[in-house]
C-alpha cells in the first residue's frame, strides 16, 4: 500500500510525540521526491496551526557547501518557525522538549516589508530588513540517529527544533554582514567559528534565495517574519546539562542551556 502525505506527516508527528526517532521516510519510500517532502512539511505545519500554533518566520538550511555535498544537493532547503519554538536569550530549556539536538550560530533577519517577487537581490533583502540579531538555531530530527537524506530533512520541517535570538537589534546599514565573525562555545570551551561569508557568500543572499523559492510555490516573505539565514559553522551536539553560546563581532552574544 502506498503512503500518502498525511501518512508521512502522522509518522513524524508520532515520533515527536513519543520522542522516539523513526526510520527515514526515504527507507519507507526510496522514490520520495523533494516536492513530496515539502508537501509533507506543509501538511504537518497545517496541523500544528490548527492546534493554535503560529508561524513567526522561516529557517534556511544547507547553506554551506560542505552540508550540500554531504547530502548531494546544490541548493539550500527551508522550514517554518513557529511561536512555540522560540527560546529567550540565555534561557534554560528542558531536554524533554527535544530529541537529538544540535546547536548552530546564525544571523537572523527581521523584515519590515513583504518580499513577494520571483526575483530578489541582496539589495532587496537589505532594504526590506527592519533589523538583524545574532541567533542560535537548535536543529533536531524526528529521524533516528540523524540518518537523513534531503527529502527526510525537508519533510521534517528542515530538521527544525528551537531558536534563540539576541536582545539588541542592529540596522543592516550599520553592519557589514558578510564580514561578521562568530566564535561558538560549548560549556565554555571553544568549538568552532565562522563568518557571514560562509552562508552563500552573504547572509542576505540566503534570504533572497528563500524569498524566490517561496514565490515559486505561491508564498512570500512577510513583514515581521524572523528569518534564520543559515549556520555560520558546523552544528554542535547537545546533551542534558550542556550550554552553547556564540559571540558575534558587533552583534553580541546568544546563549542556550539544556537542563539535566
Protein backbone atom coordinates (compact mmCIF):
# COMPACT_ATOMS: atom_id res chain seq x y z
CA UNK A 1 0.00 0.00 0.00
CA UNK A 2 1.42 3.40 -0.98
CA UNK A 3 1.75 6.02 1.75
CA UNK A 4 0.10 9.43 1.48
CA UNK A 5 1.32 12.89 2.51
CA UNK A 6 -0.94 12.55 5.56
CA UNK A 7 0.64 9.20 6.44
CA UNK A 8 4.15 10.65 6.41
CA UNK A 9 3.00 13.62 8.48
CA UNK A 10 1.37 11.28 11.02
CA UNK A 11 4.59 9.30 11.17
CA UNK A 12 6.70 12.36 12.01
CA UNK A 13 4.18 13.75 14.49
CA UNK A 14 4.06 10.41 16.29
CA UNK A 15 7.86 10.38 16.54
CA UNK A 16 7.77 13.89 18.00
CA UNK A 17 5.05 12.96 20.48
CA UNK A 18 6.86 9.85 21.68
CA UNK A 19 10.31 11.47 21.45
CA UNK A 20 11.45 8.34 19.65
CA UNK A 21 13.29 8.64 16.35
CA UNK A 22 11.78 6.79 13.39
CA UNK A 23 13.19 5.17 10.27
CA UNK A 24 13.94 7.62 7.45
CA UNK A 25 11.00 8.34 5.16
CA UNK A 26 13.33 7.55 2.28
CA UNK A 27 13.59 3.99 3.60
CA UNK A 28 9.82 3.70 3.62
CA UNK A 29 9.74 5.11 0.09
CA UNK A 30 13.05 5.39 -1.81
CA UNK A 31 11.21 7.35 -4.50
CA UNK A 32 10.09 10.17 -2.20
CA UNK A 33 10.81 13.42 -4.07
CA UNK A 34 11.75 16.87 -2.83
CA UNK A 35 8.34 18.16 -3.92
CA UNK A 36 6.68 15.32 -1.97
CA UNK A 37 8.76 16.21 1.07
CA UNK A 38 7.71 19.87 1.02
CA UNK A 39 4.08 18.71 0.82
CA UNK A 40 4.64 16.62 3.97
CA UNK A 41 6.21 19.62 5.70
CA UNK A 42 3.25 21.80 4.67
CA UNK A 43 0.76 19.23 5.98
CA UNK A 44 2.50 18.97 9.36
CA UNK A 45 2.66 22.74 9.75
CA UNK A 46 -1.04 23.00 8.82
CA UNK A 47 -1.91 20.53 11.58
CA UNK A 48 0.12 22.49 14.13
CA UNK A 49 -1.58 25.74 13.11
CA UNK A 50 -4.94 24.05 13.59
CA UNK A 51 -3.87 23.39 17.19
CA UNK A 52 -3.22 27.08 17.79
CA UNK A 53 0.45 27.45 16.93
CA UNK A 54 1.52 30.42 14.82
CA UNK A 55 4.11 30.87 12.06
CA UNK A 56 6.64 33.59 13.01
CA UNK A 57 9.14 33.09 10.19
CA UNK A 58 11.38 30.64 8.37
CA UNK A 59 14.72 28.90 8.69
CA UNK A 60 17.16 28.20 5.89
CA UNK A 61 19.26 25.05 5.97
CA UNK A 62 22.08 23.56 3.90
CA UNK A 63 23.64 26.94 3.16
CA UNK A 64 27.21 25.67 3.38
CA UNK A 65 28.97 23.86 0.54
CA UNK A 66 30.05 21.11 2.97
CA UNK A 67 26.48 20.28 4.00
CA UNK A 68 25.25 20.42 0.41
CA UNK A 69 27.97 17.98 -0.64
CA UNK A 70 27.13 15.71 2.29
CA UNK A 71 23.52 15.38 1.12
CA UNK A 72 24.34 15.52 -2.58
CA UNK A 73 22.44 18.74 -3.34
CA UNK A 74 23.28 22.07 -4.91
CA UNK A 75 20.93 24.42 -3.07
CA UNK A 76 19.62 25.06 0.46
CA UNK A 77 16.28 23.99 1.91
CA UNK A 78 13.83 25.73 4.22
CA UNK A 79 11.40 25.16 7.07
CA UNK A 80 8.91 27.12 9.17
CA UNK A 81 9.47 28.76 12.55
CA UNK A 82 6.55 28.51 14.97
CA UNK A 83 5.93 30.67 18.02
CA UNK A 84 6.45 27.79 20.46
CA UNK A 85 9.96 27.16 19.08
CA UNK A 86 11.33 30.48 20.38
CA UNK A 87 13.52 30.48 23.49
CA UNK A 88 14.58 33.65 25.31
CA UNK A 89 18.25 34.56 25.08
CA UNK A 90 20.20 32.85 27.91
CA UNK A 91 17.15 30.67 28.52
CA UNK A 92 17.18 27.20 30.04
CA UNK A 93 15.32 24.50 28.12
CA UNK A 94 14.15 21.14 29.40
CA UNK A 95 15.77 18.33 27.46
CA UNK A 96 12.27 16.83 27.26
CA UNK A 97 11.49 19.46 24.62
CA UNK A 98 13.99 17.98 22.17
CA UNK A 99 15.17 14.60 20.90
CA UNK A 100 18.70 14.74 19.48
CA UNK A 101 19.54 18.45 19.34
CA UNK A 102 22.46 20.20 17.73
CA UNK A 103 23.17 23.93 18.11
CA UNK A 104 24.22 26.30 15.34
CA UNK A 105 25.07 30.01 15.33
CA UNK A 106 23.36 32.18 12.72
CA UNK A 107 22.38 35.74 11.81
CA UNK A 108 18.64 36.37 11.94
CA UNK A 109 16.80 38.95 9.84
CA UNK A 110 13.51 40.53 10.87
CA UNK A 111 11.61 42.08 7.97
CA UNK A 112 9.74 45.39 7.83
CA UNK A 113 8.40 44.81 4.29
CA UNK A 114 6.99 41.92 2.31
CA UNK A 115 9.24 40.32 -0.32
CA UNK A 116 6.89 38.97 -2.96
CA UNK A 117 8.65 38.97 -6.33
CA UNK A 118 10.15 35.96 -8.09
CA UNK A 119 13.49 37.73 -8.48
CA UNK A 120 15.06 39.06 -5.26
CA UNK A 121 18.52 40.59 -4.80
CA UNK A 122 20.69 41.11 -1.75
CA UNK A 123 19.88 44.81 -2.01
CA UNK A 124 16.15 44.00 -1.97
CA UNK A 125 16.59 41.97 1.23
CA UNK A 126 18.61 44.67 2.96
CA UNK A 127 16.06 47.32 2.01
CA UNK A 128 13.23 45.15 3.37
CA UNK A 129 15.03 44.33 6.64
CA UNK A 130 13.98 46.08 9.84
CA UNK A 131 16.94 44.76 11.84
CA UNK A 132 19.31 41.84 12.32
CA UNK A 133 20.17 39.97 15.50
CA UNK A 134 22.54 37.15 16.45
CA UNK A 135 20.79 33.81 16.74
CA UNK A 136 21.11 30.18 17.72
CA UNK A 137 19.16 27.52 15.92
CA UNK A 138 18.72 24.21 17.70
CA UNK A 139 18.25 21.72 14.89
CA UNK A 140 16.57 18.45 15.78
CA UNK A 141 15.38 15.36 13.94
CA UNK A 142 12.46 13.00 14.22
CA UNK A 143 14.58 10.55 12.21
CA UNK A 144 16.64 8.18 14.37
CA UNK A 145 20.39 8.90 14.59
CA UNK A 146 20.17 11.71 12.02
CA UNK A 147 20.21 9.15 9.19
CA UNK A 148 18.71 11.63 6.76
CA UNK A 149 18.67 12.26 3.06
CA UNK A 150 17.41 15.53 1.61
CA UNK A 151 13.70 14.53 1.41
CA UNK A 152 13.86 13.33 5.03
CA UNK A 153 15.07 16.64 6.41
CA UNK A 154 12.71 18.70 4.23
CA UNK A 155 9.68 16.65 5.27
CA UNK A 156 10.78 17.06 8.90
CA UNK A 157 10.46 20.87 8.64
CA UNK A 158 14.12 21.12 7.62
CA UNK A 159 15.09 19.40 10.90
CA UNK A 160 13.83 22.31 12.98
CA UNK A 161 13.81 22.35 16.76
CA UNK A 162 14.14 25.63 18.66
CA UNK A 163 15.68 29.04 18.15
CA UNK A 164 17.10 31.90 20.20
CA UNK A 165 17.59 35.49 19.06
CA UNK A 166 19.70 38.18 20.68
CA UNK A 167 18.43 41.04 22.79
CA UNK A 168 19.84 44.01 20.86
CA UNK A 169 18.70 44.98 17.36
CA UNK A 170 21.04 46.22 14.64
CA UNK A 171 20.34 48.13 11.43
CA UNK A 172 21.80 46.47 8.34
CA UNK A 173 23.36 49.74 7.16
CA UNK A 174 25.49 49.79 10.32
CA UNK A 175 26.91 46.26 9.80
CA UNK A 176 29.00 44.55 7.11
CA UNK A 177 27.09 41.29 7.35
CA UNK A 178 29.40 39.23 5.16
CA UNK A 179 32.39 40.21 7.33
CA UNK A 180 30.90 39.45 10.75
CA UNK A 181 32.97 36.92 12.69
CA UNK A 182 31.44 34.40 15.10
CA UNK A 183 33.02 32.12 17.67
CA UNK A 184 30.99 29.26 19.19
CA UNK A 185 31.47 27.65 22.60
CA UNK A 186 30.13 24.52 24.30
CA UNK A 187 30.26 24.54 28.10
CA UNK A 188 32.70 27.45 27.86
CA UNK A 189 35.11 25.65 25.51
CA UNK A 190 35.70 26.99 22.01
CA UNK A 191 34.31 24.60 19.37
CA UNK A 192 34.25 26.38 16.01
CA UNK A 193 33.95 29.69 14.20
CA UNK A 194 32.65 31.23 11.01
CA UNK A 195 31.84 34.45 9.18
CA UNK A 196 28.92 35.88 7.27
CA UNK A 197 30.60 34.85 4.01
CA UNK A 198 30.15 31.19 4.98
CA UNK A 199 26.45 31.23 4.02
CA UNK A 200 26.18 31.59 0.23
CA UNK A 201 28.74 34.39 0.38
CA UNK A 202 26.39 36.76 2.24
CA UNK A 203 23.59 36.08 4.77
CA UNK A 204 21.17 38.24 2.77
CA UNK A 205 21.77 36.03 -0.28
CA UNK A 206 20.19 33.20 1.70
CA UNK A 207 17.12 35.29 2.47
CA UNK A 208 16.88 36.25 -1.23
CA UNK A 209 17.03 32.55 -2.17
CA UNK A 210 14.25 31.77 0.30
CA UNK A 211 12.01 34.55 -0.98
CA UNK A 212 12.39 33.29 -4.54
CA UNK A 213 11.68 29.67 -3.54
CA UNK A 214 8.53 30.69 -1.66
CA UNK A 215 7.37 32.73 -4.66
CA UNK A 216 7.69 29.59 -6.83
CA UNK A 217 5.04 27.88 -4.70
CA UNK A 218 2.75 30.87 -4.29
CA UNK A 219 4.14 32.07 -0.96
CA UNK A 220 6.21 35.05 0.14
CA UNK A 221 8.20 36.54 2.96
CA UNK A 222 6.14 38.90 5.11
CA UNK A 223 6.81 41.99 7.19
CA UNK A 224 7.54 40.84 10.75
CA UNK A 225 8.97 37.48 9.69
CA UNK A 226 12.04 36.20 11.52
CA UNK A 227 14.46 34.56 9.06
CA UNK A 228 17.30 32.35 10.29
CA UNK A 229 19.74 32.76 7.42
CA UNK A 230 21.90 29.65 7.89
CA UNK A 231 24.62 28.24 10.13
CA UNK A 232 27.97 30.05 10.07
CA UNK A 233 29.75 26.87 11.21
CA UNK A 234 29.15 23.20 11.96
CA UNK A 235 26.32 22.11 14.27
CA UNK A 236 27.35 21.05 17.78
CA UNK A 237 25.77 18.06 19.56
CA UNK A 238 23.94 18.96 22.76
CA UNK A 239 23.28 16.73 25.78
CA UNK A 240 21.43 17.33 29.08
CA UNK A 241 23.33 19.91 31.13
CA UNK A 242 25.13 21.44 28.12
CA UNK A 243 25.35 25.16 27.40
CA UNK A 244 26.02 26.63 23.96
CA UNK A 245 26.86 30.24 23.33
CA UNK A 246 28.04 32.22 20.33
CA UNK A 247 29.93 35.53 20.34
CA UNK A 248 29.45 37.70 17.25
CA UNK A 249 31.57 40.72 16.37
CA UNK A 250 29.37 43.83 16.65
CA UNK A 251 26.20 41.80 17.40
CA UNK A 252 26.92 40.43 20.87
CA UNK A 253 26.24 37.05 22.46
CA UNK A 254 23.43 34.49 22.34
CA UNK A 255 23.18 31.54 24.70
CA UNK A 256 21.06 28.49 25.47
CA UNK A 257 21.32 25.86 28.21
CA UNK A 258 19.71 22.43 28.35
CA UNK A 259 18.66 21.29 31.81
CA UNK A 260 19.70 17.89 33.16
